[in-house]
Protein backbone atom coordinates (compact mmCIF):
# COMPACT_ATOMS: atom_id res chain seq x y z
CA MET A 1 74.62 115.73 75.04
CA PRO A 2 73.08 112.82 77.02
CA GLU A 3 74.86 112.30 80.33
CA ASN A 4 75.66 108.65 79.59
CA LYS A 5 77.35 109.56 76.30
CA ARG A 6 79.24 112.38 78.01
CA ASN A 7 80.50 109.99 80.69
CA TYR A 8 81.88 107.61 78.07
CA LEU A 9 83.59 110.46 76.22
CA LEU A 10 85.15 111.64 79.47
CA LEU A 11 86.21 108.08 80.28
CA ALA A 12 87.85 107.72 76.86
CA SER A 13 89.63 111.04 77.37
CA LEU A 14 90.90 109.96 80.78
CA ILE A 15 92.18 106.63 79.44
CA LEU A 16 94.05 108.37 76.62
CA ILE A 17 95.48 111.08 78.92
CA TRP A 18 96.68 108.69 81.63
CA GLY A 19 97.81 106.14 79.07
CA SER A 20 99.98 108.77 77.37
CA SER A 21 101.70 109.84 80.60
CA PHE A 22 104.43 107.20 80.22
CA LEU A 23 105.17 108.33 76.67
CA LEU A 24 105.38 111.96 77.81
CA THR A 25 107.62 110.98 80.72
CA ASP A 26 109.92 109.13 78.34
CA ARG A 27 110.30 112.21 76.10
CA SER A 28 110.75 114.53 79.08
CA LEU A 29 113.59 112.37 80.39
CA LEU A 30 115.58 113.01 77.22
CA PHE A 31 116.62 116.32 78.83
CA PHE A 32 115.30 116.54 82.37
CA SER A 33 116.38 114.47 85.37
CA PRO A 34 113.75 112.35 87.17
CA GLU A 35 113.67 114.91 90.02
CA GLU A 36 113.08 117.75 87.57
CA VAL A 37 110.32 115.84 85.82
CA VAL A 38 108.58 115.24 89.16
CA THR A 39 108.95 118.82 90.41
CA TYR A 40 107.86 120.59 87.24
CA ARG A 41 104.99 118.27 86.33
CA LEU A 42 103.60 118.82 89.83
CA THR A 43 104.06 122.59 89.58
CA ILE A 44 102.38 122.79 86.18
CA GLY A 45 99.61 120.48 87.39
CA ALA A 46 99.08 122.63 90.48
CA LEU A 47 98.77 125.78 88.36
CA SER A 48 96.26 124.02 86.08
CA MET A 49 94.10 122.93 89.01
CA LEU A 50 94.41 126.33 90.68
CA LEU A 51 92.98 127.91 87.53
CA ILE A 52 90.09 125.43 87.55
CA SER A 53 89.46 126.20 91.25
CA LEU A 54 89.31 129.92 90.46
CA ILE A 55 86.91 129.32 87.57
CA TYR A 56 84.58 127.41 89.91
CA SER A 57 85.11 129.94 92.74
CA LYS A 58 86.46 127.29 95.09
CA SER A 59 88.09 128.48 98.32
CA LEU A 60 90.97 126.51 99.79
CA PHE A 61 90.85 125.14 103.33
CA VAL A 62 92.37 127.21 106.12
CA SER A 63 92.16 124.70 108.98
CA ILE A 64 95.13 122.45 109.74
CA ARG A 65 93.51 119.00 109.64
CA PRO A 66 92.66 118.88 105.90
CA TRP A 67 96.12 120.11 104.97
CA PHE A 68 97.68 117.32 107.02
CA HIS A 69 95.69 114.80 104.99
CA PHE A 70 96.62 116.55 101.75
CA ALA A 71 100.31 116.35 102.70
CA ILE A 72 100.00 112.57 103.01
CA TYR A 73 98.35 112.35 99.59
CA ALA A 74 101.01 114.66 98.15
CA VAL A 75 103.88 112.42 99.25
CA VAL A 76 102.38 108.93 98.91
CA GLY A 77 100.15 109.54 95.90
CA ASN A 78 102.25 112.03 93.92
CA ILE A 79 105.90 112.69 94.77
CA LEU A 80 106.93 109.11 95.60
CA PRO A 81 105.24 107.29 92.68
CA TYR A 82 106.20 110.00 90.18
CA LEU A 83 109.84 109.75 91.26
CA LEU A 84 109.80 105.95 91.13
CA ILE A 85 108.22 105.95 87.66
CA SER A 86 110.55 108.63 86.27
CA THR A 87 113.63 106.89 87.68
CA GLY A 88 112.40 103.50 86.51
CA GLN A 89 111.77 104.77 82.99
CA MET A 90 115.43 105.69 82.70
CA SER A 91 116.05 101.98 82.12
CA ILE A 92 112.76 100.52 80.85
CA THR A 93 110.47 101.37 77.94
CA SER A 94 107.35 103.52 78.33
CA GLY A 95 105.16 100.61 77.23
CA MET A 96 106.63 98.33 79.87
CA ALA A 97 106.07 101.00 82.53
CA GLY A 98 102.41 101.34 81.57
CA LEU A 99 101.97 97.57 81.55
CA LEU A 100 103.49 97.18 85.01
CA MET A 101 101.29 99.89 86.49
CA ALA A 102 98.31 97.68 85.70
CA VAL A 103 99.04 95.67 88.84
CA MET A 104 97.96 98.63 91.00
CA PRO A 105 94.30 97.56 91.41
CA LEU A 106 95.44 94.02 92.18
CA VAL A 107 97.76 95.19 94.96
CA THR A 108 94.90 97.35 96.25
CA LEU A 109 92.74 94.22 96.57
CA VAL A 110 95.19 92.65 99.02
CA LEU A 111 95.77 95.83 101.02
CA ALA A 112 92.03 96.49 101.24
CA HIS A 113 91.46 92.99 102.64
CA PHE A 114 93.68 93.74 105.63
CA LEU A 115 93.08 97.48 106.07
CA LEU A 116 89.47 98.13 105.06
CA PRO A 117 86.80 96.33 107.13
CA ASN A 118 84.17 96.13 104.37
CA ASP A 119 86.39 95.15 101.44
CA LYS A 120 87.47 91.56 102.06
CA LEU A 121 88.92 89.17 99.51
CA ASN A 122 86.57 86.66 97.89
CA ILE A 123 87.32 83.78 95.55
CA PHE A 124 87.13 85.99 92.46
CA LYS A 125 89.46 88.62 93.90
CA PHE A 126 91.91 85.93 94.95
CA ILE A 127 91.95 84.23 91.54
CA GLY A 128 92.24 87.62 89.84
CA PHE A 129 95.21 88.53 92.00
CA VAL A 130 96.94 85.23 91.19
CA PHE A 131 96.39 85.81 87.45
CA GLY A 132 97.70 89.37 87.61
CA ILE A 133 100.78 88.63 89.67
CA SER A 134 101.55 85.63 87.47
CA GLY A 135 101.75 88.03 84.55
CA VAL A 136 104.43 90.00 86.38
CA LEU A 137 106.40 87.21 88.04
CA PHE A 138 106.42 84.55 85.33
CA ILE A 139 105.47 85.96 81.94
CA LEU A 140 107.55 89.13 82.07
CA GLY A 141 110.70 87.29 83.10
CA PRO A 142 112.25 86.86 79.62
CA SER A 143 111.66 90.51 78.71
CA ILE A 144 113.73 91.72 81.67
CA ASN A 145 116.93 90.60 79.98
CA ASN A 146 116.13 91.56 76.37
CA GLY A 147 118.25 94.71 76.55
CA SER A 148 115.36 97.19 76.69
CA ASN A 149 114.31 96.75 80.31
CA SER A 150 116.36 96.46 83.48
CA THR A 151 115.34 94.56 86.60
CA ILE A 152 115.79 97.62 88.81
CA GLY A 153 113.63 99.73 86.48
CA ILE A 154 110.84 97.16 86.59
CA LEU A 155 111.02 96.95 90.39
CA LEU A 156 110.88 100.74 90.71
CA VAL A 157 107.72 100.98 88.62
CA LEU A 158 106.15 98.11 90.55
CA ALA A 159 106.98 100.02 93.75
CA ALA A 160 105.19 103.04 92.27
CA ALA A 161 102.12 100.88 91.66
CA CYS A 162 102.23 99.82 95.32
CA SER A 163 102.52 103.46 96.38
CA TYR A 164 99.37 104.32 94.42
CA SER A 165 97.62 101.38 96.07
CA ILE A 166 98.61 102.56 99.54
CA ASN A 167 97.35 106.05 98.68
CA THR A 168 94.01 104.57 97.63
CA ILE A 169 93.64 102.83 100.99
CA ILE A 170 94.63 106.01 102.87
CA ALA A 171 92.04 108.00 100.92
CA ALA A 172 89.36 105.44 101.81
CA ARG A 173 90.16 105.75 105.53
CA LEU A 174 90.50 109.52 105.78
CA SER A 175 87.83 112.21 105.51
CA SER A 176 86.37 113.16 102.14
CA TYR A 177 86.66 116.69 100.78
CA ASP A 178 85.55 118.63 97.73
CA PRO A 179 87.32 116.90 94.81
CA ILE A 180 88.47 120.05 93.01
CA VAL A 181 89.79 121.57 96.23
CA THR A 182 91.47 118.30 97.17
CA SER A 183 93.25 117.97 93.84
CA THR A 184 94.37 121.60 93.92
CA CYS A 185 95.64 121.53 97.49
CA VAL A 186 97.43 118.20 97.07
CA LEU A 187 99.23 119.35 93.92
CA ILE A 188 100.20 122.69 95.49
CA LEU A 189 101.66 120.92 98.51
CA ALA A 190 103.38 118.30 96.36
CA SER A 191 105.06 120.95 94.20
CA VAL A 192 106.21 122.98 97.23
CA ILE A 193 107.58 119.88 98.97
CA SER A 194 109.37 118.83 95.76
CA PHE A 195 111.17 122.18 95.50
CA LEU A 196 112.18 121.88 99.16
CA ILE A 197 113.55 118.37 98.60
CA TRP A 198 115.29 119.23 95.33
CA PRO A 199 116.11 122.98 95.36
CA GLU A 200 118.63 122.39 92.57
CA THR A 201 115.72 121.94 90.15
CA LEU A 202 115.40 125.74 90.18
CA ASN A 203 118.75 126.03 88.39
CA ILE A 204 117.46 124.92 84.98
CA SER A 205 118.51 127.05 82.02
CA PHE A 206 115.16 127.37 80.26
CA THR A 207 116.76 128.64 77.05
CA GLU A 208 118.56 125.32 76.60
CA ILE A 209 115.50 123.09 76.90
CA PRO A 210 114.80 121.18 73.65
CA PHE A 211 111.31 121.76 72.29
CA LEU A 212 110.28 118.08 72.42
CA SER A 213 111.26 117.57 76.07
CA GLY A 214 109.90 120.93 77.19
CA PHE A 215 106.59 120.48 75.39
CA SER A 216 106.27 116.91 76.70
CA LEU A 217 106.84 118.09 80.27
CA ILE A 218 104.23 120.85 79.90
CA LEU A 219 101.70 118.35 78.57
CA LEU A 220 102.63 115.93 81.35
CA GLY A 221 101.87 118.60 83.94
CA VAL A 222 98.70 120.00 82.37
CA LEU A 223 97.04 116.75 81.27
CA PRO A 224 97.93 113.59 83.27
CA THR A 225 98.85 115.51 86.43
CA GLY A 226 96.31 118.35 86.45
CA ILE A 227 93.32 118.10 84.10
CA ALA A 228 93.06 114.32 84.47
CA ALA A 229 92.40 114.74 88.19
CA TYR A 230 89.52 117.08 87.34
CA ILE A 231 88.02 114.67 84.78
CA TYR A 232 88.48 111.82 87.27
CA PHE A 233 86.32 113.52 89.86
CA ILE A 234 83.67 114.56 87.31
CA ILE A 235 83.22 110.88 86.40
CA ILE A 236 83.21 109.83 90.05
CA ASN A 237 80.47 112.33 90.84
CA SER A 238 78.29 111.62 87.80
CA ALA A 239 78.81 107.91 87.08
CA GLY A 240 80.38 106.42 90.20
CA ALA A 241 83.52 104.49 91.06
CA THR A 242 82.34 101.21 89.47
CA PHE A 243 82.02 102.88 86.06
CA LEU A 244 85.42 104.51 86.48
CA ALA A 245 87.05 101.16 87.29
CA ASN A 246 86.83 100.31 83.58
CA ILE A 247 89.99 102.39 83.02
CA ASN A 248 92.06 99.67 84.68
CA TYR A 249 91.55 97.46 81.63
CA LEU A 250 92.53 99.99 78.99
CA ILE A 251 95.21 102.35 80.35
CA PRO A 252 98.00 99.69 80.19
CA VAL A 253 96.90 98.79 76.66
CA VAL A 254 97.07 102.43 75.53
CA ALA A 255 100.44 102.97 77.23
CA PHE A 256 101.89 99.77 75.81
CA PHE A 257 100.90 100.39 72.20
CA LEU A 258 101.61 104.13 72.20
CA GLY A 259 105.21 103.27 73.06
CA ALA A 260 105.32 100.75 70.22
CA ILE A 261 103.66 102.99 67.62
CA LEU A 262 105.22 106.37 68.41
CA LEU A 263 108.58 105.36 69.87
CA GLY A 264 109.22 102.16 67.97
CA GLU A 265 109.49 100.10 71.17
CA GLU A 266 109.68 96.37 70.54
CA ILE A 267 106.58 94.27 71.17
CA LEU A 268 107.51 90.83 72.47
CA LEU A 269 105.10 87.89 72.58
CA GLN A 270 105.65 87.42 76.32
CA ASN A 271 104.69 91.08 76.86
CA ILE A 272 101.38 90.54 75.06
CA ILE A 273 100.73 87.42 77.13
CA ALA A 274 101.63 89.30 80.31
CA LEU A 275 99.22 92.07 79.38
CA MET A 276 96.45 89.53 78.84
CA PHE A 277 97.16 87.87 82.19
CA ILE A 278 97.15 91.14 84.13
CA ILE A 279 93.98 92.50 82.50
CA SER A 280 92.27 89.11 82.94
CA GLY A 281 93.23 89.28 86.61
CA ILE A 282 91.60 92.71 86.95
CA PHE A 283 88.48 91.46 85.14
CA ILE A 284 88.14 88.33 87.28
CA SER A 285 88.73 90.26 90.50
CA ARG A 286 85.73 92.50 89.72
CA LYS A 287 83.28 89.62 89.39
CA ASN A 288 80.49 89.87 91.98
CA SER A 289 81.74 93.34 93.01
């Protein structure tokens, strides 16, 4: 298969996998608590990446410095945003959660301007940010009070988007490591830390888990948490970060409409307009980049 075609197939797979994570989280929360969802998706993801590391004969780091960096990624890029999203989705729809996460690259623009010396705001980035934030602040307003979405849930998911943005900036400033090893080590640390924070998650009666919630949680761990990280780094290494940035346009669309099609979540006109504003903001911000 030509490499260009393979890259597009991998990109489509990644969009579908990450776009479905909010749907899978929603179904998992029918039985599991947000803390259990976080802990077990990280554990399953860590086991998935550990298997991939073994297949590729990757050895994990033994020195202290890389593991310190991985611990930062584990907390800021995994545990915190996963907890915020899972808790937020207790009171908002999966489609709304996916839509709100689209502001992540826009928040990253602002943080990068102040924290990364070679990534300053230009006119296109500024206009794109204004468009994107307008979608959140002004267009989404009516949907907050429609009975399906709470203000606190929306704020929690927006906080998760900010956490991902901060993690992106941290990753840009710290040393680079082998992508498979990085993903594996980060997920291992994140799962261990989660069990230490929430030891009560070990008390689950596995015989009482409904099939739908259990299967959703397994998929959530294997695909969006584990395998997606592997696909992400394959694309980065073969096609580059600019090519990968195309996912920012489509993941919120997939998440939004999966919730509507599979869960029967209501599609409001202001949500569609908000989606258009946010995606337009991402598109404009990438002009001249």
